[in-house]
Amino acid sequence: ELESEGKSGSFFYFSADARFVLKTISRAEMTFLRSLLPTYVHHLQTAELSLLPRFTGAHQLRLPTGERIDFIVMTNVFATDRRIHERYDLKGSTVGRETPADALARAPGGTRKDNDLGGRTFCVGAAKRAVLLGALRSDAAWLA
C-alpha cells in the first residue's frame, strides 16, 4: 500500500501487518548501500544497541518494459501496539527540515521534521540517557 512520497521522490509501502517498510531508491543509492553492507552488518552484530535502520533486503524489480526499480526492505520502527503521539523523521540537519503548517493542519498525526522539535527537551533518566548516548556515539563512529 502506498503511504507517501518523500522529498527524494521515493515511494514508501508498508506490509499488511505494518512490520516492514519498502522504499524505492535510486541506482546510486543501491550501489552505495551495497558497498556499506559488510561493515553495516558487522556494526549491527557487534554494537550493544544501534539506532540505525534495520535493512532486511535490497532488491531490484525488472518490469516487462525493461525499466528497473531498486528498493530496500527495512523493519518499521513504528510497528507497535502503543499510541504514537508524534512522529519525527530526523536527519540531523536544519536546512529545509520543517513541516509546512498547512501539511500539519491537513494531517495532525503526520510526520514532523528536525526543526519542528523547537527547543524541546526529553527526560529519559540517567540510565537510559547513558544507553542512548552510547548507541549514538557508536553509530556515529561507524558512520564517520
Protein backbone atom coordinates (compact mmCIF):
# COMPACT_ATOMS: atom_id res chain seq x y z
CA GLU A 1 0.00 0.00 0.00
CA LEU A 2 1.39 3.38 -0.97
CA GLU A 3 1.75 5.54 2.10
CA SER A 4 3.65 8.61 0.96
CA GLU A 5 6.18 10.00 -1.41
CA GLY A 6 9.26 11.57 0.16
CA LYS A 7 11.11 14.66 -0.99
CA SER A 8 13.60 12.41 -2.76
CA GLY A 9 10.86 11.01 -4.96
CA SER A 10 11.00 7.68 -3.16
CA PHE A 11 7.80 5.78 -2.58
CA PHE A 12 7.07 4.02 0.69
CA TYR A 13 4.91 0.93 1.01
CA PHE A 14 4.02 -0.93 4.18
CA SER A 15 3.45 -4.65 4.64
CA ALA A 16 -0.09 -5.69 5.55
CA ASP A 17 0.95 -6.19 9.19
CA ALA A 18 2.93 -2.88 9.20
CA ARG A 19 6.10 -4.66 10.38
CA PHE A 20 8.08 -3.82 7.24
CA VAL A 21 8.60 -0.80 5.03
CA LEU A 22 9.55 -0.99 1.37
CA LYS A 23 11.23 2.13 -0.02
CA THR A 24 12.21 2.75 -3.62
CA ILE A 25 15.75 4.11 -4.03
CA SER A 26 17.94 5.30 -6.87
CA ARG A 27 20.52 3.08 -8.54
CA ALA A 28 23.29 5.21 -6.98
CA GLU A 29 21.76 4.72 -3.51
CA MET A 30 21.60 0.97 -4.10
CA THR A 31 25.24 0.86 -5.18
CA PHE A 32 26.28 2.88 -2.12
CA LEU A 33 24.20 0.72 0.25
CA ARG A 34 25.70 -2.47 -1.17
CA SER A 35 29.21 -1.07 -0.64
CA LEU A 36 28.36 -0.45 3.05
CA LEU A 37 26.73 -3.80 3.77
CA PRO A 38 29.74 -5.75 5.11
CA THR A 39 30.66 -3.07 7.68
CA TYR A 40 26.98 -2.30 8.38
CA VAL A 41 26.28 -5.94 9.25
CA HIS A 42 29.42 -6.13 11.40
CA HIS A 43 28.43 -2.95 13.25
CA LEU A 44 24.92 -4.26 14.00
CA GLN A 45 26.29 -7.62 15.13
CA THR A 46 28.86 -6.10 17.49
CA ALA A 47 27.11 -2.98 18.82
CA GLU A 48 25.19 -3.42 22.08
CA LEU A 49 22.48 -1.14 20.73
CA SER A 50 22.12 0.71 17.45
CA LEU A 51 19.61 3.32 16.37
CA LEU A 52 20.34 2.73 12.68
CA PRO A 53 17.58 1.36 10.45
CA ARG A 54 17.43 -2.41 10.12
CA PHE A 55 17.65 -3.29 6.45
CA THR A 56 16.30 -6.76 5.72
CA GLY A 57 16.58 -6.77 1.94
CA ALA A 58 17.84 -4.90 -1.11
CA HIS A 59 16.20 -5.86 -4.38
CA GLN A 60 15.70 -4.90 -7.99
CA LEU A 61 12.48 -5.40 -9.91
CA ARG A 62 12.69 -5.62 -13.71
CA LEU A 63 9.50 -4.69 -15.47
CA PRO A 64 8.46 -6.09 -18.88
CA THR A 65 9.17 -2.62 -20.29
CA GLY A 66 12.83 -3.02 -19.31
CA GLU A 67 12.57 -0.45 -16.53
CA ARG A 68 14.35 -1.39 -13.31
CA ILE A 69 13.14 -0.39 -9.86
CA ASP A 70 15.54 -0.67 -6.95
CA PHE A 71 14.07 -0.95 -3.46
CA ILE A 72 15.02 -1.79 0.08
CA VAL A 73 13.03 -3.50 2.79
CA MET A 74 13.51 -2.48 6.41
CA THR A 75 11.80 -3.05 9.71
CA ASN A 76 9.20 -0.45 10.68
CA VAL A 77 10.18 1.19 13.97
CA PHE A 78 6.61 2.46 14.27
CA ALA A 79 5.09 -1.04 14.28
CA THR A 80 3.76 -1.05 17.84
CA ASP A 81 0.56 -1.50 19.80
CA ARG A 82 1.33 1.72 21.68
CA ARG A 83 -0.21 5.02 20.64
CA ILE A 84 2.30 7.25 18.89
CA HIS A 85 1.62 10.88 19.82
CA GLU A 86 4.16 12.48 17.48
CA ARG A 87 6.33 11.09 14.72
CA TYR A 88 9.60 12.63 13.50
CA ASP A 89 11.86 11.98 10.53
CA LEU A 90 15.17 13.23 11.95
CA LYS A 91 18.08 13.74 9.58
CA GLY A 92 20.38 15.74 11.85
CA SER A 93 20.13 18.85 9.67
CA THR A 94 18.30 22.15 9.96
CA VAL A 95 18.26 23.02 6.25
CA GLY A 96 14.74 22.64 4.89
CA ARG A 97 13.76 20.49 7.83
CA GLU A 98 10.39 22.00 8.80
CA THR A 99 6.97 20.56 8.15
CA PRO A 100 4.73 23.18 6.49
CA ALA A 101 1.93 24.35 8.79
CA ASP A 102 -0.72 23.51 6.17
CA ALA A 103 0.59 19.93 5.99
CA LEU A 104 0.27 19.55 9.77
CA ALA A 105 -3.21 21.09 9.64
CA ARG A 106 -4.29 18.56 6.99
CA ALA A 107 -2.70 15.63 8.83
CA PRO A 108 -2.12 16.43 12.52
CA GLY A 109 -0.62 12.97 13.07
CA GLY A 110 1.74 13.39 10.13
CA THR A 111 5.49 13.08 10.29
CA ARG A 112 7.38 16.08 11.55
CA LYS A 113 10.98 17.10 10.81
CA ASP A 114 14.07 18.21 12.75
CA ASN A 115 13.20 21.91 13.21
CA ASP A 116 9.69 21.02 14.38
CA LEU A 117 11.21 19.87 17.67
CA GLY A 118 11.87 23.51 18.58
CA GLY A 119 13.64 23.81 21.91
CA ARG A 120 12.00 20.74 23.41
CA THR A 121 13.90 18.54 25.79
CA PHE A 122 13.26 14.90 26.61
CA CYS A 123 13.55 13.45 30.10
CA VAL A 124 14.55 9.80 29.96
CA GLY A 125 16.50 9.36 33.19
CA ALA A 126 20.24 8.97 33.70
CA ALA A 127 20.49 5.25 32.91
CA LYS A 128 18.51 5.44 29.65
CA ARG A 129 20.35 8.62 28.69
CA ALA A 130 23.68 6.82 29.04
CA VAL A 131 22.44 3.91 26.91
CA LEU A 132 21.10 6.22 24.20
CA LEU A 133 24.25 8.34 24.11
CA GLY A 134 26.37 5.20 23.91
CA ALA A 135 24.35 3.98 20.93
CA LEU A 136 24.57 7.38 19.24
CA ARG A 137 28.35 7.53 19.76
CA SER A 138 28.80 4.00 18.43
CA ASP A 139 26.61 4.65 15.38
CA ALA A 140 28.33 7.99 14.70
CA ALA A 141 31.76 6.37 14.90
CA TRP A 142 30.70 3.77 12.34
CA LEU A 143 29.16 6.40 10.07
CA ALA A 144 32.27 8.66 10.20
